[in-house]
Every structure is written in C-alpha cells, then in structure tokens.
Amino acid sequence: MTNKNSEKTAELYEKLEEKFTKWAETCSDISAVIIVGSRARSDHPADEWADLDIMIVTSNPERYLSRTDWLENVGNPLLTFVEPTAAGGEMERRVLFEGMLDVDFAIIPERKAQQLRHDRISSQIADNIANTFGRGIRILLDKNGIANQIRTLINSIGAQKVTFPTQNEFHEVINDFLYHAVFTVKHLRRGEIWWAGMCCNCYMQRLLLRMIEWHAQATLGQNHDTWFRGRFLEEWADSRVLEGLRCAFAQYGKEEIKPALLATMHLFHWTAIETAEKLGYQYPFMLDSHVTEWVGRILTESET
C-alpha cells in the first residue's frame, strides 16, 4: 500500500513540475529551474511524505516573494508564506497545494547565481552549496547555462562532510552548552517554563547534535556520513545516542524539564569525552563537574 501511495504522490508532484516548467518557459525573468532535495537524489529518495524543493533563478525575485498570483500556474494553493531558506541566506515561498502537496520555491537572484565560481566563493558558501545541492539536482529549465554552471560547481566541491573541529572550536561548543545548562536552570527556578523548555529542547539540542556528529565521525571515521541538520540521525548515530535521546526532550512543565535537562547533559557529557579522546583534545573535567554539581543542587533545592 505504501509503494502505491508513494507512486501516486510522485505522479502528482511530477504533474506540478511539468505545469510549472511549461509556465516558467514563458517567463523572461526566469533563467533556470532546478529540483533539489529528496526528489532529486538517489540516496534516500523521496517517499510519499516528501515535499518538492524547487529553486527558481530569476532576475525579478521580488515578483515571487511579494505576489502569489503566479502560484495558480502551478496548482490550486491552499496556503503560502515566505521565510528564509535553510542555507544560503536567500528567501523561499512555501506553498501547500490542494491534496496537501507541499512545495518550497527557493528564490535565487540571477546576479548571485551568475557570480558562482569555485575560485571566488568562500568556504561558508561552498558548505551551503554542498549541503543544499551536493546529493543531487535535476535541471528542469536552463535558458542561459546557469543551471549547468551550478552543476559544474557542485561537482567541483563534492558532498559536504562534517569536518573535525579545532580544539578551540570544540571547547567553544562545550562552554556554550554548559553556559545554557545554567541558563535553563535559572529560568526554570524563576518559573519561566517556556524559556527554560525552549533552551533545553532547542538551543542545547542544536549543540548536542553538533557533538553527536563529531562523535560519529571521530568514532567511525571522517567519511562516515552524518547528513545535514540531523537528517536520518537514526541511521548514522551511535545506538547509545539514540537510547539517550529518548529522555532528552521535555514536555511543558517544570517537573518535566528537569529530567530532560539532566538527560541532555549526560548525553552531551559522554559523547564529548569520547570525542575528545579520539581527537586527542583536553576535556574540561573540572568545569563540567562544577556546572553539573551546581545544576543538580539547584534542581534538588527547588523540589524541597
């Protein structure tokens, strides 16, 4: 049943692609249309729940960000909104079409696309390109060669791999994490449940994810694929990490945040120590112990 649903969904998205491409061919401001994400890659390809990611290279980006009438050339939109892209610093219009088909239109100014040359881009831009396009693209429209230029750039960069941190970068993440453990406790004691929960569940978890990535590569080798922003973490992370994560997310409530924070700190603690050992870095045991003791004491006091 799942395969049939996936095939049916794929057909619906293909129709959206075809309809949009035919319309884009008539638009003088659109120079390229590129499919990225799961519907463009062979490794972990799209299933029935995957969305469609379309990159529009245009000389008139404001048209697609400030107006919505053009969406009727693709399908019947139920809702739409604009937000920053996950990487690259651009904007995208996210759309939910009839049938709950979700399409993300990343709007790329043509002048920026034309500036992409491997010998001119920064390492940060290279990382963004590798993370966004490194696992494959499908070119639907290429009027002036920009899409092929992007493909050439992707091939020259290759898929992005998480690199090992320097010792200073490693310690920065540890200090950031421990600082926000104290931050969470203070807001918890003040009764600011929302702030404490968001810090524990969001900010600290992002730092934890970075350590989990480093741990996986330090343990299994730098070529071990850790994907991007936690994608498919269940496949590449240490099994002990997966077990630890079961208790590391808090529900809303003072008594719910306490054990989640301690579980998050414990998970970060041992992954960071093992990573430090593998990389030959010093681990700040005294600092960690001092913060952990304070957190435990304050949380215990709040119970009495």
C-alpha atoms as a PDB file:
ATOM      1  CA  MET A   1       0.000   0.000   0.000  1.00  0.00           C
ATOM      2  CA  THR A   2       2.834   2.373   0.864  1.00  0.00           C
ATOM      3  CA  ASN A   3       4.540   1.834  -2.507  1.00  0.00           C
ATOM      4  CA  LYS A   4       1.270   2.566  -4.325  1.00  0.00           C
ATOM      5  CA  ASN A   5       0.771   5.718  -2.280  1.00  0.00           C
ATOM      6  CA  SER A   6       4.334   6.795  -2.968  1.00  0.00           C
ATOM      7  CA  GLU A   7       3.922   6.228  -6.701  1.00  0.00           C
ATOM      8  CA  LYS A   8       0.652   8.160  -6.741  1.00  0.00           C
ATOM      9  CA  THR A   9       2.202  11.052  -4.819  1.00  0.00           C
ATOM     10  CA  ALA A  10       5.208  11.068  -7.153  1.00  0.00           C
ATOM     11  CA  GLU A  11       2.876  11.351 -10.136  1.00  0.00           C
ATOM     12  CA  LEU A  12       1.076  14.314  -8.591  1.00  0.00           C
ATOM     13  CA  TYR A  13       4.367  16.113  -7.939  1.00  0.00           C
ATOM     14  CA  GLU A  14       5.555  15.325 -11.464  1.00  0.00           C
ATOM     15  CA  LYS A  15       2.426  16.992 -12.826  1.00  0.00           C
ATOM     16  CA  LEU A  16       3.190  20.067 -10.721  1.00  0.00           C
ATOM     17  CA  GLU A  17       6.745  20.081 -12.070  1.00  0.00           C
ATOM     18  CA  GLU A  18       5.576  19.810 -15.677  1.00  0.00           C
ATOM     19  CA  LYS A  19       2.967  22.519 -15.282  1.00  0.00           C
ATOM     20  CA  PHE A  20       5.375  24.904 -13.580  1.00  0.00           C
ATOM     21  CA  THR A  21       8.176  24.273 -16.093  1.00  0.00           C
ATOM     22  CA  LYS A  22       5.900  24.976 -19.068  1.00  0.00           C
ATOM     23  CA  TRP A  23       4.838  28.233 -17.472  1.00  0.00           C
ATOM     24  CA  ALA A  24       8.399  29.191 -16.470  1.00  0.00           C
ATOM     25  CA  GLU A  25       9.491  28.786 -20.104  1.00  0.00           C
ATOM     26  CA  THR A  26       7.237  31.730 -20.968  1.00  0.00           C
ATOM     27  CA  CYS A  27       8.657  33.974 -18.220  1.00  0.00           C
ATOM     28  CA  SER A  28      11.526  36.133 -19.457  1.00  0.00           C
ATOM     29  CA  ASP A  29      12.784  36.771 -15.902  1.00  0.00           C
ATOM     30  CA  ILE A  30      13.252  33.054 -15.074  1.00  0.00           C
ATOM     31  CA  SER A  31      16.561  31.711 -16.373  1.00  0.00           C
ATOM     32  CA  ALA A  32      16.685  28.341 -14.584  1.00  0.00           C
ATOM     33  CA  VAL A  33      14.534  25.908 -12.617  1.00  0.00           C
ATOM     34  CA  ILE A  34      16.265  23.232 -10.557  1.00  0.00           C
ATOM     35  CA  ILE A  35      14.906  20.429  -8.364  1.00  0.00           C
ATOM     36  CA  VAL A  36      16.886  19.745  -5.188  1.00  0.00           C
ATOM     37  CA  GLY A  37      16.307  17.621  -2.101  1.00  0.00           C
ATOM     38  CA  SER A  38      14.811  14.163  -1.865  1.00  0.00           C
ATOM     39  CA  ARG A  39      13.029  14.333  -5.232  1.00  0.00           C
ATOM     40  CA  ALA A  40      16.385  14.857  -6.920  1.00  0.00           C
ATOM     41  CA  ARG A  41      18.582  12.340  -5.136  1.00  0.00           C
ATOM     42  CA  SER A  42      19.031   8.569  -5.454  1.00  0.00           C
ATOM     43  CA  ASP A  43      20.368   8.070  -1.915  1.00  0.00           C
ATOM     44  CA  HIS A  44      17.358   8.148   0.433  1.00  0.00           C
ATOM     45  CA  PRO A  45      14.991   9.188  -2.369  1.00  0.00           C
ATOM     46  CA  ALA A  46      11.571  10.728  -1.807  1.00  0.00           C
ATOM     47  CA  ASP A  47       8.779   8.728  -0.254  1.00  0.00           C
ATOM     48  CA  GLU A  48       5.084   9.623  -0.147  1.00  0.00           C
ATOM     49  CA  TRP A  49       5.695  12.146   2.652  1.00  0.00           C
ATOM     50  CA  ALA A  50       8.489  14.077   0.976  1.00  0.00           C
ATOM     51  CA  ASP A  51       7.939  17.611  -0.281  1.00  0.00           C
ATOM     52  CA  LEU A  52       9.138  19.137  -3.545  1.00  0.00           C
ATOM     53  CA  ASP A  53      12.010  21.626  -3.457  1.00  0.00           C
ATOM     54  CA  ILE A  54      12.262  23.906  -6.491  1.00  0.00           C
ATOM     55  CA  MET A  55      14.954  26.513  -6.971  1.00  0.00           C
ATOM     56  CA  ILE A  56      13.988  29.425  -9.226  1.00  0.00           C
ATOM     57  CA  VAL A  57      16.805  31.533 -10.644  1.00  0.00           C
ATOM     58  CA  THR A  58      15.263  34.849 -11.624  1.00  0.00           C
ATOM     59  CA  SER A  59      16.147  38.448 -12.426  1.00  0.00           C
ATOM     60  CA  ASN A  60      12.997  39.569 -10.612  1.00  0.00           C
ATOM     61  CA  PRO A  61      12.939  37.775  -7.226  1.00  0.00           C
ATOM     62  CA  GLU A  62      10.532  40.297  -5.705  1.00  0.00           C
ATOM     63  CA  ARG A  63       7.787  39.086  -8.041  1.00  0.00           C
ATOM     64  CA  TYR A  64       7.750  35.654  -6.420  1.00  0.00           C
ATOM     65  CA  LEU A  65       8.238  36.871  -2.862  1.00  0.00           C
ATOM     66  CA  SER A  66       5.692  39.698  -2.763  1.00  0.00           C
ATOM     67  CA  ARG A  67       2.982  38.234  -5.018  1.00  0.00           C
ATOM     68  CA  THR A  68       1.080  34.953  -5.008  1.00  0.00           C
ATOM     69  CA  ASP A  69      -0.986  35.091  -8.210  1.00  0.00           C
ATOM     70  CA  TRP A  70       1.710  33.177 -10.114  1.00  0.00           C
ATOM     71  CA  LEU A  71       1.045  30.083  -7.999  1.00  0.00           C
ATOM     72  CA  GLU A  72      -2.154  29.442  -9.948  1.00  0.00           C
ATOM     73  CA  ASN A  73       0.085  28.474 -12.868  1.00  0.00           C
ATOM     74  CA  VAL A  74       1.290  25.524 -10.774  1.00  0.00           C
ATOM     75  CA  GLY A  75      -1.830  24.301  -8.985  1.00  0.00           C
ATOM     76  CA  ASN A  76      -4.514  25.268  -6.506  1.00  0.00           C
ATOM     77  CA  PRO A  77      -2.753  26.800  -3.482  1.00  0.00           C
ATOM     78  CA  LEU A  78      -4.387  26.336  -0.082  1.00  0.00           C
ATOM     79  CA  LEU A  79      -1.880  28.484   1.807  1.00  0.00           C
ATOM     80  CA  THR A  80       1.514  30.100   1.339  1.00  0.00           C
ATOM     81  CA  PHE A  81       4.087  32.091   3.291  1.00  0.00           C
ATOM     82  CA  VAL A  82       7.651  33.368   2.913  1.00  0.00           C
ATOM     83  CA  GLU A  83      10.627  32.505   5.116  1.00  0.00           C
ATOM     84  CA  PRO A  84      14.460  32.338   4.891  1.00  0.00           C
ATOM     85  CA  THR A  85      15.976  29.312   3.198  1.00  0.00           C
ATOM     86  CA  ALA A  86      17.616  26.727   5.457  1.00  0.00           C
ATOM     87  CA  ALA A  87      21.006  27.646   3.986  1.00  0.00           C
ATOM     88  CA  GLY A  88      22.402  30.273   1.688  1.00  0.00           C
ATOM     89  CA  GLY A  89      20.781  33.383   3.102  1.00  0.00           C
ATOM     90  CA  GLU A  90      18.024  33.686   0.491  1.00  0.00           C
ATOM     91  CA  MET A  91      14.226  33.599   0.793  1.00  0.00           C
ATOM     92  CA  GLU A  92      11.734  30.953  -0.226  1.00  0.00           C
ATOM     93  CA  ARG A  93       7.995  30.779  -0.711  1.00  0.00           C
ATOM     94  CA  ARG A  94       6.482  27.699   0.877  1.00  0.00           C
ATOM     95  CA  VAL A  95       3.186  26.530  -0.551  1.00  0.00           C
ATOM     96  CA  LEU A  96       0.631  23.899   0.356  1.00  0.00           C
ATOM     97  CA  PHE A  97      -1.294  22.931  -2.756  1.00  0.00           C
ATOM     98  CA  GLU A  98      -4.551  21.011  -2.968  1.00  0.00           C
ATOM     99  CA  GLY A  99      -4.038  17.386  -1.996  1.00  0.00           C
ATOM    100  CA  MET A 100      -1.636  18.519   0.759  1.00  0.00           C
ATOM    101  CA  LEU A 101       1.238  18.724  -1.731  1.00  0.00           C
ATOM    102  CA  ASP A 102       3.893  20.955  -0.200  1.00  0.00           C
ATOM    103  CA  VAL A 103       6.330  22.764  -2.470  1.00  0.00           C
ATOM    104  CA  ASP A 104       9.199  25.026  -1.418  1.00  0.00           C
ATOM    105  CA  PHE A 105      10.198  27.596  -4.038  1.00  0.00           C
ATOM    106  CA  ALA A 106      13.671  28.930  -3.214  1.00  0.00           C
ATOM    107  CA  ILE A 107      14.031  32.276  -4.988  1.00  0.00           C
ATOM    108  CA  ILE A 108      17.606  32.875  -6.163  1.00  0.00           C
ATOM    109  CA  PRO A 109      18.562  36.249  -7.707  1.00  0.00           C
ATOM    110  CA  GLU A 110      20.134  35.660 -11.104  1.00  0.00           C
ATOM    111  CA  ARG A 111      23.012  38.051 -10.407  1.00  0.00           C
ATOM    112  CA  LYS A 112      24.040  35.932  -7.403  1.00  0.00           C
ATOM    113  CA  ALA A 113      23.810  32.699  -9.376  1.00  0.00           C
ATOM    114  CA  GLN A 114      25.993  34.191 -12.104  1.00  0.00           C
ATOM    115  CA  GLN A 115      28.691  35.003  -9.554  1.00  0.00           C
ATOM    116  CA  LEU A 116      29.152  31.372  -8.521  1.00  0.00           C
ATOM    117  CA  ARG A 117      32.682  30.302  -9.379  1.00  0.00           C
ATOM    118  CA  HIS A 118      34.684  27.779  -7.369  1.00  0.00           C
ATOM    119  CA  ASP A 119      37.696  30.077  -7.230  1.00  0.00           C
ATOM    120  CA  ARG A 120      35.622  33.018  -5.970  1.00  0.00           C
ATOM    121  CA  ILE A 121      33.324  31.642  -3.292  1.00  0.00           C
ATOM    122  CA  SER A 122      34.041  31.498   0.420  1.00  0.00           C
ATOM    123  CA  SER A 123      34.241  28.265   2.377  1.00  0.00           C
ATOM    124  CA  GLN A 124      30.899  29.092   4.003  1.00  0.00           C
ATOM    125  CA  ILE A 125      29.199  29.458   0.618  1.00  0.00           C
ATOM    126  CA  ALA A 126      30.860  26.227  -0.514  1.00  0.00           C
ATOM    127  CA  ASP A 127      29.450  24.487   2.564  1.00  0.00           C
ATOM    128  CA  ASN A 128      25.965  25.844   1.839  1.00  0.00           C
ATOM    129  CA  ILE A 129      26.153  24.696  -1.789  1.00  0.00           C
ATOM    130  CA  ALA A 130      27.382  21.257  -0.788  1.00  0.00           C
ATOM    131  CA  ASN A 131      24.672  20.858   1.869  1.00  0.00           C
ATOM    132  CA  THR A 132      21.912  22.066  -0.454  1.00  0.00           C
ATOM    133  CA  PHE A 133      22.910  20.550  -3.781  1.00  0.00           C
ATOM    134  CA  GLY A 134      25.695  18.060  -3.061  1.00  0.00           C
ATOM    135  CA  ARG A 135      23.432  15.000  -3.031  1.00  0.00           C
ATOM    136  CA  GLY A 136      21.988  15.630  -6.469  1.00  0.00           C
ATOM    137  CA  ILE A 137      19.947  18.013  -8.571  1.00  0.00           C
ATOM    138  CA  ARG A 138      17.572  17.755 -11.515  1.00  0.00           C
ATOM    139  CA  ILE A 139      17.568  20.565 -14.030  1.00  0.00           C
ATOM    140  CA  LEU A 140      14.103  21.305 -15.417  1.00  0.00           C
ATOM    141  CA  LEU A 141      14.958  24.504 -17.254  1.00  0.00           C
ATOM    142  CA  ASP A 142      18.235  26.182 -18.197  1.00  0.00           C
ATOM    143  CA  LYS A 143      17.874  29.095 -20.601  1.00  0.00           C
ATOM    144  CA  ASN A 144      21.351  30.591 -20.345  1.00  0.00           C
ATOM    145  CA  GLY A 145      23.574  27.867 -18.888  1.00  0.00           C
ATOM    146  CA  ILE A 146      23.382  28.975 -15.241  1.00  0.00           C
ATOM    147  CA  ALA A 147      21.997  25.616 -14.080  1.00  0.00           C
ATOM    148  CA  ASN A 148      24.840  23.734 -15.761  1.00  0.00           C
ATOM    149  CA  GLN A 149      27.272  26.192 -14.214  1.00  0.00           C
ATOM    150  CA  ILE A 150      25.841  25.339 -10.797  1.00  0.00           C
ATOM    151  CA  ARG A 151      26.108  21.612 -11.570  1.00  0.00           C
ATOM    152  CA  THR A 152      29.776  22.065 -12.502  1.00  0.00           C
ATOM    153  CA  LEU A 153      30.381  23.947  -9.264  1.00  0.00           C
ATOM    154  CA  ILE A 154      28.680  21.196  -7.258  1.00  0.00           C
ATOM    155  CA  ASN A 155      30.857  18.546  -8.895  1.00  0.00           C
ATOM    156  CA  SER A 156      33.986  20.529  -8.082  1.00  0.00           C
ATOM    157  CA  ILE A 157      33.017  20.905  -4.425  1.00  0.00           C
ATOM    158  CA  GLY A 158      31.525  17.479  -3.764  1.00  0.00           C
ATOM    159  CA  ALA A 159      29.114  16.487  -0.993  1.00  0.00           C
ATOM    160  CA  GLN A 160      29.745  18.258   2.284  1.00  0.00           C
ATOM    161  CA  LYS A 161      31.227  16.265   5.122  1.00  0.00           C
ATOM    162  CA  VAL A 162      31.343  17.465   8.699  1.00  0.00           C
ATOM    163  CA  THR A 163      34.971  18.321   9.398  1.00  0.00           C
ATOM    164  CA  PHE A 164      36.647  17.793  12.736  1.00  0.00           C
ATOM    165  CA  PRO A 165      36.703  20.898  14.906  1.00  0.00           C
ATOM    166  CA  THR A 166      39.841  22.555  16.137  1.00  0.00           C
ATOM    167  CA  GLN A 167      40.424  22.252  19.864  1.00  0.00           C
ATOM    168  CA  ASN A 168      39.261  25.837  20.286  1.00  0.00           C
ATOM    169  CA  GLU A 169      36.035  25.176  18.326  1.00  0.00           C
ATOM    170  CA  PHE A 170      35.491  22.027  20.369  1.00  0.00           C
ATOM    171  CA  HIS A 171      35.824  23.911  23.654  1.00  0.00           C
ATOM    172  CA  GLU A 172      33.574  26.733  22.388  1.00  0.00           C
ATOM    173  CA  VAL A 173      30.722  24.273  21.918  1.00  0.00           C
ATOM    174  CA  ILE A 174      31.300  22.741  25.362  1.00  0.00           C
ATOM    175  CA  ASN A 175      31.347  26.164  27.034  1.00  0.00           C
ATOM    176  CA  ASP A 176      28.237  27.240  25.120  1.00  0.00           C
ATOM    177  CA  PHE A 177      26.412  24.089  26.181  1.00  0.00           C
ATOM    178  CA  LEU A 178      27.355  24.329  29.867  1.00  0.00           C
ATOM    179  CA  TYR A 179      26.509  28.029  29.967  1.00  0.00           C
ATOM    180  CA  HIS A 180      22.998  27.321  28.678  1.00  0.00           C
ATOM    181  CA  ALA A 181      22.532  24.470  31.132  1.00  0.00           C
ATOM    182  CA  VAL A 182      22.915  27.087  33.884  1.00  0.00           C
ATOM    183  CA  PHE A 183      20.723  29.478  31.882  1.00  0.00           C
ATOM    184  CA  THR A 184      17.954  26.866  31.691  1.00  0.00           C
ATOM    185  CA  VAL A 185      18.023  26.186  35.417  1.00  0.00           C
ATOM    186  CA  LYS A 186      17.851  29.882  36.300  1.00  0.00           C
ATOM    187  CA  HIS A 187      14.805  30.435  34.132  1.00  0.00           C
ATOM    188  CA  LEU A 188      13.260  27.246  35.470  1.00  0.00           C
ATOM    189  CA  ARG A 189      13.669  28.459  39.052  1.00  0.00           C
ATOM    190  CA  ARG A 190      12.182  31.807  38.051  1.00  0.00           C
ATOM    191  CA  GLY A 191       9.115  29.990  36.736  1.00  0.00           C
ATOM    192  CA  GLU A 192       9.720  30.850  33.079  1.00  0.00           C
ATOM    193  CA  ILE A 193       8.770  27.439  31.759  1.00  0.00           C
ATOM    194  CA  TRP A 194       8.610  28.487  28.107  1.00  0.00           C
ATOM    195  CA  TRP A 195      12.127  29.955  28.120  1.00  0.00           C
ATOM    196  CA  ALA A 196      13.596  27.028  30.018  1.00  0.00           C
ATOM    197  CA  GLY A 197      11.898  24.495  27.767  1.00  0.00           C
ATOM    198  CA  MET A 198      12.938  26.244  24.560  1.00  0.00           C
ATOM    199  CA  CYS A 199      16.547  26.475  25.708  1.00  0.00           C
ATOM    200  CA  CYS A 200      16.655  22.807  26.681  1.00  0.00           C
ATOM    201  CA  ASN A 201      14.695  21.433  23.711  1.00  0.00           C
ATOM    202  CA  CYS A 202      16.040  23.745  21.011  1.00  0.00           C
ATOM    203  CA  TYR A 203      19.246  25.640  21.726  1.00  0.00           C
ATOM    204  CA  MET A 204      21.019  22.970  23.753  1.00  0.00           C
ATOM    205  CA  GLN A 205      19.837  20.235  21.394  1.00  0.00           C
ATOM    206  CA  ARG A 206      21.454  22.020  18.436  1.00  0.00           C
ATOM    207  CA  LEU A 207      24.770  21.987  20.301  1.00  0.00           C
ATOM    208  CA  LEU A 208      24.171  18.363  21.233  1.00  0.00           C
ATOM    209  CA  LEU A 209      23.587  17.499  17.577  1.00  0.00           C
ATOM    210  CA  ARG A 210      26.919  19.042  16.637  1.00  0.00           C
ATOM    211  CA  MET A 211      28.652  16.933  19.271  1.00  0.00           C
ATOM    212  CA  ILE A 212      26.786  13.812  18.090  1.00  0.00           C
ATOM    213  CA  GLU A 213      28.028  14.468  14.534  1.00  0.00           C
ATOM    214  CA  TRP A 214      31.608  14.901  15.713  1.00  0.00           C
ATOM    215  CA  HIS A 215      31.312  11.808  17.889  1.00  0.00           C
ATOM    216  CA  ALA A 216      30.065   9.676  14.988  1.00  0.00           C
ATOM    217  CA  GLN A 217      32.884  10.767  12.715  1.00  0.00           C
ATOM    218  CA  ALA A 218      35.559  10.599  15.394  1.00  0.00           C
ATOM    219  CA  THR A 219      34.424   7.075  16.247  1.00  0.00           C
ATOM    220  CA  LEU A 220      33.601   5.689  12.800  1.00  0.00           C
ATOM    221  CA  GLY A 221      35.855   7.769  10.574  1.00  0.00           C
ATOM    222  CA  GLN A 222      35.680  11.182   8.947  1.00  0.00           C
ATOM    223  CA  ASN A 223      33.984   9.738   5.860  1.00  0.00           C
ATOM    224  CA  HIS A 224      31.076   8.488   7.959  1.00  0.00           C
ATOM    225  CA  ASP A 225      28.069  10.287   6.502  1.00  0.00           C
ATOM    226  CA  THR A 226      26.226  12.380   9.084  1.00  0.00           C
ATOM    227  CA  TRP A 227      23.988  14.112   6.553  1.00  0.00           C
ATOM    228  CA  PHE A 228      22.738  17.625   7.335  1.00  0.00           C
ATOM    229  CA  ARG A 229      20.844  19.114  10.311  1.00  0.00           C
ATOM    230  CA  GLY A 230      20.162  15.698  11.830  1.00  0.00           C
ATOM    231  CA  ARG A 231      18.625  14.077   8.755  1.00  0.00           C
ATOM    232  CA  PHE A 232      18.478  10.297   9.135  1.00  0.00           C
ATOM    233  CA  LEU A 233      20.225  10.539  12.501  1.00  0.00           C
ATOM    234  CA  GLU A 234      18.573   7.264  13.443  1.00  0.00           C
ATOM    235  CA  GLU A 235      20.770   5.550  10.841  1.00  0.00           C
ATOM    236  CA  TRP A 236      24.193   7.084  11.450  1.00  0.00           C
ATOM    237  CA  ALA A 237      24.374   7.948  15.170  1.00  0.00           C
ATOM    238  CA  ASP A 238      25.712   5.665  17.903  1.00  0.00           C
ATOM    239  CA  SER A 239      22.989   3.343  19.242  1.00  0.00           C
ATOM    240  CA  ARG A 240      23.678   4.659  22.759  1.00  0.00           C
ATOM    241  CA  VAL A 241      22.886   8.152  21.484  1.00  0.00           C
ATOM    242  CA  LEU A 242      19.520   7.029  20.173  1.00  0.00           C
ATOM    243  CA  GLU A 243      18.710   5.459  23.512  1.00  0.00           C
ATOM    244  CA  GLY A 244      19.775   8.592  25.376  1.00  0.00           C
ATOM    245  CA  LEU A 245      17.661  10.850  23.188  1.00  0.00           C
ATOM    246  CA  ARG A 246      14.524   9.047  24.352  1.00  0.00           C
ATOM    247  CA  CYS A 247      14.713  11.015  27.617  1.00  0.00           C
ATOM    248  CA  ALA A 248      16.317  14.218  26.356  1.00  0.00           C
ATOM    249  CA  PHE A 249      13.243  16.164  25.196  1.00  0.00           C
ATOM    250  CA  ALA A 250      10.993  17.847  27.712  1.00  0.00           C
ATOM    251  CA  GLN A 251       7.257  18.319  27.813  1.00  0.00           C
ATOM    252  CA  TYR A 252       5.964  21.671  29.020  1.00  0.00           C
ATOM    253  CA  GLY A 253       6.257  21.813  32.794  1.00  0.00           C
ATOM    254  CA  LYS A 254       8.850  22.408  35.498  1.00  0.00           C
ATOM    255  CA  GLU A 255       8.954  18.793  36.636  1.00  0.00           C
ATOM    256  CA  GLU A 256       9.176  17.582  33.018  1.00  0.00           C
ATOM    257  CA  ILE A 257      12.079  19.851  32.084  1.00  0.00           C
ATOM    258  CA  LYS A 258      14.297  18.800  34.994  1.00  0.00           C
ATOM    259  CA  PRO A 259      14.904  15.155  33.965  1.00  0.00           C
ATOM    260  CA  ALA A 260      15.140  16.117  30.288  1.00  0.00           C
ATOM    261  CA  LEU A 261      17.850  18.671  31.049  1.00  0.00           C
ATOM    262  CA  LEU A 262      19.829  16.154  33.108  1.00  0.00           C
ATOM    263  CA  ALA A 263      19.478  13.519  30.378  1.00  0.00           C
ATOM    264  CA  THR A 264      20.629  16.025  27.755  1.00  0.00           C
ATOM    265  CA  MET A 265      23.641  16.978  29.869  1.00  0.00           C
ATOM    266  CA  HIS A 266      24.554  13.334  30.452  1.00  0.00           C
ATOM    267  CA  LEU A 267      24.341  12.547  26.734  1.00  0.00           C
ATOM    268  CA  PHE A 268      26.444  15.566  25.823  1.00  0.00           C
ATOM    269  CA  HIS A 269      28.946  14.709  28.581  1.00  0.00           C
ATOM    270  CA  TRP A 270      29.892  11.219  27.440  1.00  0.00           C
ATOM    271  CA  THR A 271      29.812  11.933  23.704  1.00  0.00           C
ATOM    272  CA  ALA A 272      32.072  14.954  24.232  1.00  0.00           C
ATOM    273  CA  ILE A 273      34.517  12.966  26.393  1.00  0.00           C
ATOM    274  CA  GLU A 274      34.746  10.122  23.870  1.00  0.00           C
ATOM    275  CA  THR A 275      35.153  12.621  21.023  1.00  0.00           C
ATOM    276  CA  ALA A 276      37.934  14.431  22.895  1.00  0.00           C
ATOM    277  CA  GLU A 277      39.734  11.129  23.466  1.00  0.00           C
ATOM    278  CA  LYS A 278      39.507  10.212  19.768  1.00  0.00           C
ATOM    279  CA  LEU A 279      40.709  13.655  18.620  1.00  0.00           C
ATOM    280  CA  GLY A 280      43.429  13.932  21.249  1.00  0.00           C
ATOM    281  CA  TYR A 281      41.875  17.013  22.860  1.00  0.00           C
ATOM    282  CA  GLN A 282      41.754  18.007  26.519  1.00  0.00           C
ATOM    283  CA  TYR A 283      38.322  17.801  28.132  1.00  0.00           C
ATOM    284  CA  PRO A 284      37.426  20.398  30.814  1.00  0.00           C
ATOM    285  CA  PHE A 285      36.500  17.889  33.507  1.00  0.00           C
ATOM    286  CA  MET A 286      36.701  20.357  36.406  1.00  0.00           C
ATOM    287  CA  LEU A 287      34.436  22.877  34.678  1.00  0.00           C
ATOM    288  CA  ASP A 288      31.961  20.181  33.657  1.00  0.00           C
ATOM    289  CA  SER A 289      31.889  18.774  37.206  1.00  0.00           C
ATOM    290  CA  HIS A 290      31.428  22.232  38.725  1.00  0.00           C
ATOM    291  CA  VAL A 291      28.484  23.104  36.460  1.00  0.00           C
ATOM    292  CA  THR A 292      26.884  19.663  36.754  1.00  0.00           C
ATOM    293  CA  GLU A 293      27.090  19.762  40.542  1.00  0.00           C
ATOM    294  CA  TRP A 294      25.514  23.233  40.644  1.00  0.00           C
ATOM    295  CA  VAL A 295      22.702  22.240  38.276  1.00  0.00           C
ATOM    296  CA  GLY A 296      21.911  19.130  40.297  1.00  0.00           C
ATOM    297  CA  ARG A 297      21.968  21.026  43.599  1.00  0.00           C
ATOM    298  CA  ILE A 298      19.709  23.853  42.427  1.00  0.00           C
ATOM    299  CA  LEU A 299      17.236  21.444  40.851  1.00  0.00           C
ATOM    300  CA  THR A 300      17.155  19.415  44.077  1.00  0.00           C
ATOM    301  CA  GLU A 301      16.622  22.554  46.175  1.00  0.00           C
ATOM    302  CA  SER A 302      13.654  23.506  44.040  1.00  0.00           C
ATOM    303  CA  GLU A 303      11.969  20.250  44.999  1.00  0.00           C
ATOM    304  CA  THR A 304      12.141  20.938  48.731  1.00  0.00           C
END
